[in-house]
N, C-alpha and C. Protein backbone atom coordinates (compact mmCIF):
# COMPACT_ATOMS: atom_id res chain seq x y z
N MET A 1 0.98 -1.23 0.01
CA MET A 1 -0.03 0.15 -0.12
C MET A 1 0.73 1.14 0.01
N LYS A 2 0.60 2.35 -1.17
CA LYS A 2 1.45 3.38 -1.14
C LYS A 2 0.98 4.53 0.11
N MET A 3 1.63 4.96 0.91
CA MET A 3 1.26 5.57 2.12
C MET A 3 1.57 7.23 1.67
N ASN A 4 0.72 8.03 2.22
CA ASN A 4 0.73 9.69 1.69
C ASN A 4 1.39 10.09 2.86
N ALA A 5 2.15 11.39 2.53
CA ALA A 5 2.91 11.88 3.62
C ALA A 5 1.79 11.94 4.71
N ILE A 6 2.64 12.16 5.78
CA ILE A 6 1.95 12.36 7.35
C ILE A 6 1.68 13.48 6.83
N PRO A 7 0.18 13.99 7.65
CA PRO A 7 -0.26 15.13 7.50
C PRO A 7 0.70 16.34 8.44
N PRO A 8 1.15 17.48 7.96
CA PRO A 8 2.05 18.29 8.70
C PRO A 8 1.02 18.75 10.00
N SER A 9 -0.09 19.04 9.68
CA SER A 9 -0.95 19.36 11.04
C SER A 9 -0.98 18.09 12.40
N LEU A 10 -0.43 17.06 11.88
CA LEU A 10 0.09 16.18 13.05
C LEU A 10 1.17 16.54 13.88
N ALA A 11 2.23 17.34 13.16
CA ALA A 11 3.33 17.37 13.86
C ALA A 11 3.28 17.98 15.32
N PRO A 12 2.55 18.63 15.89
CA PRO A 12 2.24 19.23 17.38
C PRO A 12 2.60 18.15 18.18
N PHE A 13 1.51 16.86 17.58
CA PHE A 13 1.37 15.86 18.41
C PHE A 13 2.55 14.65 18.33
N LEU A 14 3.77 15.02 17.68
CA LEU A 14 4.87 14.28 17.20
C LEU A 14 6.15 14.90 17.32
N GLN A 15 6.21 15.98 18.32
CA GLN A 15 7.28 16.69 18.53
C GLN A 15 8.52 15.96 18.71
N GLU A 16 8.75 15.10 19.13
CA GLU A 16 9.74 14.31 19.48
C GLU A 16 10.55 13.48 18.25
N TYR A 17 9.71 13.53 17.02
CA TYR A 17 9.88 12.86 15.87
C TYR A 17 10.15 13.96 14.85
N ASN A 18 11.44 13.59 13.74
CA ASN A 18 11.17 14.22 12.38
C ASN A 18 10.19 13.95 11.53
N LEU A 19 9.22 14.50 11.02
CA LEU A 19 8.04 13.95 10.23
C LEU A 19 8.57 13.58 8.98
N ALA A 20 9.25 14.43 8.58
CA ALA A 20 10.04 14.05 7.01
C ALA A 20 10.89 12.40 7.13
N GLN A 21 11.64 12.44 8.08
CA GLN A 21 12.09 10.89 8.67
C GLN A 21 11.26 9.52 8.93
N LEU A 22 10.14 10.17 9.27
CA LEU A 22 8.99 9.31 9.91
C LEU A 22 8.48 8.22 8.74
N ASP A 23 8.54 6.74 8.81
CA ASP A 23 8.16 6.14 8.16
C ASP A 23 7.04 5.61 8.56
N ALA A 24 5.74 5.91 7.45
CA ALA A 24 4.32 6.06 7.86
C ALA A 24 3.68 4.22 8.03
N GLN A 25 4.71 3.61 7.44
CA GLN A 25 4.12 2.14 7.59
C GLN A 25 4.90 1.37 8.94
N ILE A 26 6.36 1.72 8.92
CA ILE A 26 6.73 1.45 10.36
C ILE A 26 6.03 1.85 11.42
N ALA A 27 5.79 3.09 11.40
CA ALA A 27 5.38 3.97 12.72
C ALA A 27 3.82 3.89 12.73
N ALA A 28 2.93 3.24 12.21
CA ALA A 28 1.78 2.91 11.95
C ALA A 28 1.16 2.92 13.75
N PRO A 29 2.13 2.16 14.66
CA PRO A 29 0.96 2.19 15.83
C PRO A 29 1.09 3.57 16.61
N LEU A 30 2.22 4.03 16.30
CA LEU A 30 2.80 5.76 16.67
C LEU A 30 1.57 6.75 16.12
N LEU A 31 1.46 6.29 15.03
CA LEU A 31 0.67 7.61 14.13
C LEU A 31 -1.15 7.02 14.87
N MET A 32 -1.13 5.95 14.96
CA MET A 32 -2.61 5.30 14.99
C MET A 32 -3.10 6.00 16.49
N GLU A 33 -1.73 5.92 17.60
CA GLU A 33 -2.00 6.46 18.81
C GLU A 33 -2.17 7.65 18.66
N ARG A 34 -1.46 8.57 18.02
CA ARG A 34 -1.64 10.49 18.13
C ARG A 34 -2.81 10.76 17.46
N ALA A 35 -3.13 10.04 16.48
CA ALA A 35 -3.98 10.77 15.66
C ALA A 35 -5.42 10.09 16.32
N LEU A 36 -5.71 9.20 17.00
CA LEU A 36 -6.88 8.77 17.43
C LEU A 36 -7.21 9.66 18.56
N GLN A 37 -6.22 9.86 19.23
CA GLN A 37 -5.99 10.71 20.56
C GLN A 37 -6.44 12.44 20.23
N TYR A 38 -5.41 12.81 19.37
CA TYR A 38 -5.49 13.92 18.87
C TYR A 38 -6.22 14.86 17.89
N GLY A 39 -6.37 13.81 16.62
CA GLY A 39 -6.40 14.27 15.43
C GLY A 39 -7.86 14.70 15.03
N ASN A 40 -7.79 15.81 14.32
CA ASN A 40 -9.07 16.28 13.75
C ASN A 40 -9.27 15.78 12.68
N ARG A 41 -10.69 16.00 12.00
CA ARG A 41 -11.36 15.13 11.24
C ARG A 41 -10.59 14.91 10.03
N ALA A 42 -9.75 15.78 9.15
CA ALA A 42 -8.80 15.73 8.20
C ALA A 42 -7.62 14.71 8.71
N GLU A 43 -7.28 14.68 9.77
CA GLU A 43 -6.17 13.88 10.16
C GLU A 43 -6.78 12.66 10.36
N LEU A 44 -7.85 12.36 10.40
CA LEU A 44 -8.69 11.00 10.94
C LEU A 44 -9.09 10.40 9.74
N ARG A 45 -9.56 11.30 8.67
CA ARG A 45 -9.38 10.63 7.32
C ARG A 45 -8.62 10.18 6.85
N TRP A 46 -7.28 11.12 7.17
CA TRP A 46 -6.33 10.46 6.22
C TRP A 46 -5.68 9.01 7.01
N LEU A 47 -5.70 9.16 8.35
CA LEU A 47 -5.39 8.00 9.13
C LEU A 47 -5.98 6.27 8.46
N PHE A 48 -7.44 6.65 8.30
CA PHE A 48 -8.37 5.59 7.81
C PHE A 48 -8.24 5.29 6.11
N ALA A 49 -7.81 6.42 5.49
CA ALA A 49 -7.28 6.10 4.34
C ALA A 49 -6.04 5.07 4.18
N GLN A 50 -5.06 5.33 5.06
CA GLN A 50 -3.78 4.99 5.26
C GLN A 50 -3.59 3.49 5.54
N TYR A 51 -4.57 3.50 6.41
CA TYR A 51 -4.22 1.89 6.87
C TYR A 51 -5.65 1.34 7.12
N PRO A 52 -5.87 -0.08 6.85
CA PRO A 52 -7.16 -0.56 6.70
C PRO A 52 -7.68 -0.79 8.23
N ARG A 53 -9.03 -0.71 8.23
CA ARG A 53 -9.93 -0.67 9.43
C ARG A 53 -9.61 -1.46 10.21
N LYS A 54 -9.00 -2.75 9.69
CA LYS A 54 -8.64 -4.05 10.48
C LYS A 54 -7.99 -3.78 11.52
N GLN A 55 -6.76 -2.99 10.70
CA GLN A 55 -5.82 -2.66 11.53
C GLN A 55 -5.85 -1.86 12.68
N ILE A 56 -6.29 -0.90 12.14
CA ILE A 56 -6.68 0.02 13.55
C ILE A 56 -7.73 -0.42 14.58
N VAL A 57 -8.59 -1.20 14.33
CA VAL A 57 -9.38 -2.09 15.01
C VAL A 57 -8.45 -3.07 15.80
N GLU A 58 -7.55 -3.64 15.63
CA GLU A 58 -6.71 -4.25 16.23
C GLU A 58 -5.79 -3.64 17.41
N TRP A 59 -5.61 -2.15 16.87
CA TRP A 59 -4.52 -1.45 17.53
C TRP A 59 -5.04 -0.74 18.91
N VAL A 60 -6.79 -0.42 18.71
CA VAL A 60 -7.52 -0.17 19.60
C VAL A 60 -7.74 -1.43 20.57
N LYS A 61 -8.10 -2.72 20.15
CA LYS A 61 -8.26 -3.56 20.98
C LYS A 61 -7.27 -3.83 22.01
N ARG A 62 -6.10 -4.06 21.27
CA ARG A 62 -4.83 -4.31 21.68
C ARG A 62 -3.97 -3.32 22.68
N TYR A 63 -4.00 -1.75 22.05
CA TYR A 63 -3.28 -1.20 22.80
C TYR A 63 -4.16 0.42 23.47
N GLY A 64 -5.44 0.26 22.76
CA GLY A 64 -6.21 1.29 23.27
C GLY A 64 -6.38 1.76 24.59
N GLY A 65 -6.87 0.51 25.55
CA GLY A 65 -7.08 0.81 27.06
C GLY A 65 -5.70 1.45 27.61
N GLU A 66 -4.61 0.86 27.15
CA GLU A 66 -3.54 1.81 28.38
C GLU A 66 -2.89 2.91 27.47
N ARG A 67 -3.15 3.33 26.05
CA ARG A 67 -2.38 4.52 25.37
C ARG A 67 -3.63 5.67 25.48
N LEU A 68 -4.79 5.31 25.15
CA LEU A 68 -5.72 6.40 24.94
C LEU A 68 -6.27 6.54 26.58
N PRO A 69 -6.76 7.96 26.50
CA PRO A 69 -7.54 8.36 27.65
C PRO A 69 -8.90 7.85 27.56
N HIS A 70 -9.58 7.44 28.93
CA HIS A 70 -10.91 7.01 28.99
C HIS A 70 -11.90 7.38 28.34
N PRO A 71 -12.27 8.66 28.21
CA PRO A 71 -13.27 9.24 26.96
C PRO A 71 -12.76 8.78 25.65
N HIS A 72 -11.52 8.78 25.43
CA HIS A 72 -10.95 8.39 24.03
C HIS A 72 -11.30 7.06 23.58
N ILE A 73 -10.83 6.05 24.69
CA ILE A 73 -11.12 4.60 24.40
C ILE A 73 -12.54 4.11 24.18
N ASP A 74 -13.32 5.04 25.07
CA ASP A 74 -15.05 4.86 24.84
C ASP A 74 -15.45 4.90 23.75
N PHE A 75 -14.83 6.20 23.17
CA PHE A 75 -15.50 6.79 22.08
C PHE A 75 -15.28 5.72 20.76
N TRP A 76 -13.95 5.24 20.54
CA TRP A 76 -12.94 4.70 19.57
C TRP A 76 -13.91 3.12 19.32
N ARG A 77 -14.24 2.47 20.71
CA ARG A 77 -14.82 1.45 20.69
C ARG A 77 -16.14 1.12 20.48
N LEU A 78 -16.82 2.81 20.49
CA LEU A 78 -18.37 2.37 19.97
C LEU A 78 -18.36 2.71 18.43
N VAL A 79 -17.12 3.72 18.10
CA VAL A 79 -17.19 4.22 16.87
C VAL A 79 -16.79 2.69 15.99
N LEU A 80 -15.55 2.06 16.29
CA LEU A 80 -15.29 0.88 15.83
C LEU A 80 -16.12 -0.33 16.22
N GLU A 81 -17.17 -0.30 16.80
CA GLU A 81 -17.97 -1.10 17.30
C GLU A 81 -17.12 -2.75 17.63
N ILE A 82 -16.68 -2.07 18.76
CA ILE A 82 -15.68 -2.91 19.74
C ILE A 82 -16.28 -3.05 20.75
N GLU A 83 -16.61 -4.75 20.91
CA GLU A 83 -16.99 -5.12 22.25
C GLU A 83 -16.17 -5.09 23.45
């Protein structure tokens, strides 16, 4: 899958990284975490266009409970229809 450039608007949430050197495929878990927690509509559209929904659901199931704040994990479990 060809990855589009990481939206520059996500840069404030990835300050410890150089966006130009960040590989969106390798950094998928990091990008999912930051976009699901802080992303606006455009950034979330990018996220869901870049990664299969199944991959995002698996990330939320595996890591969401410990990496996303309580209101966020509840929201994403509802939106992604995760029991």
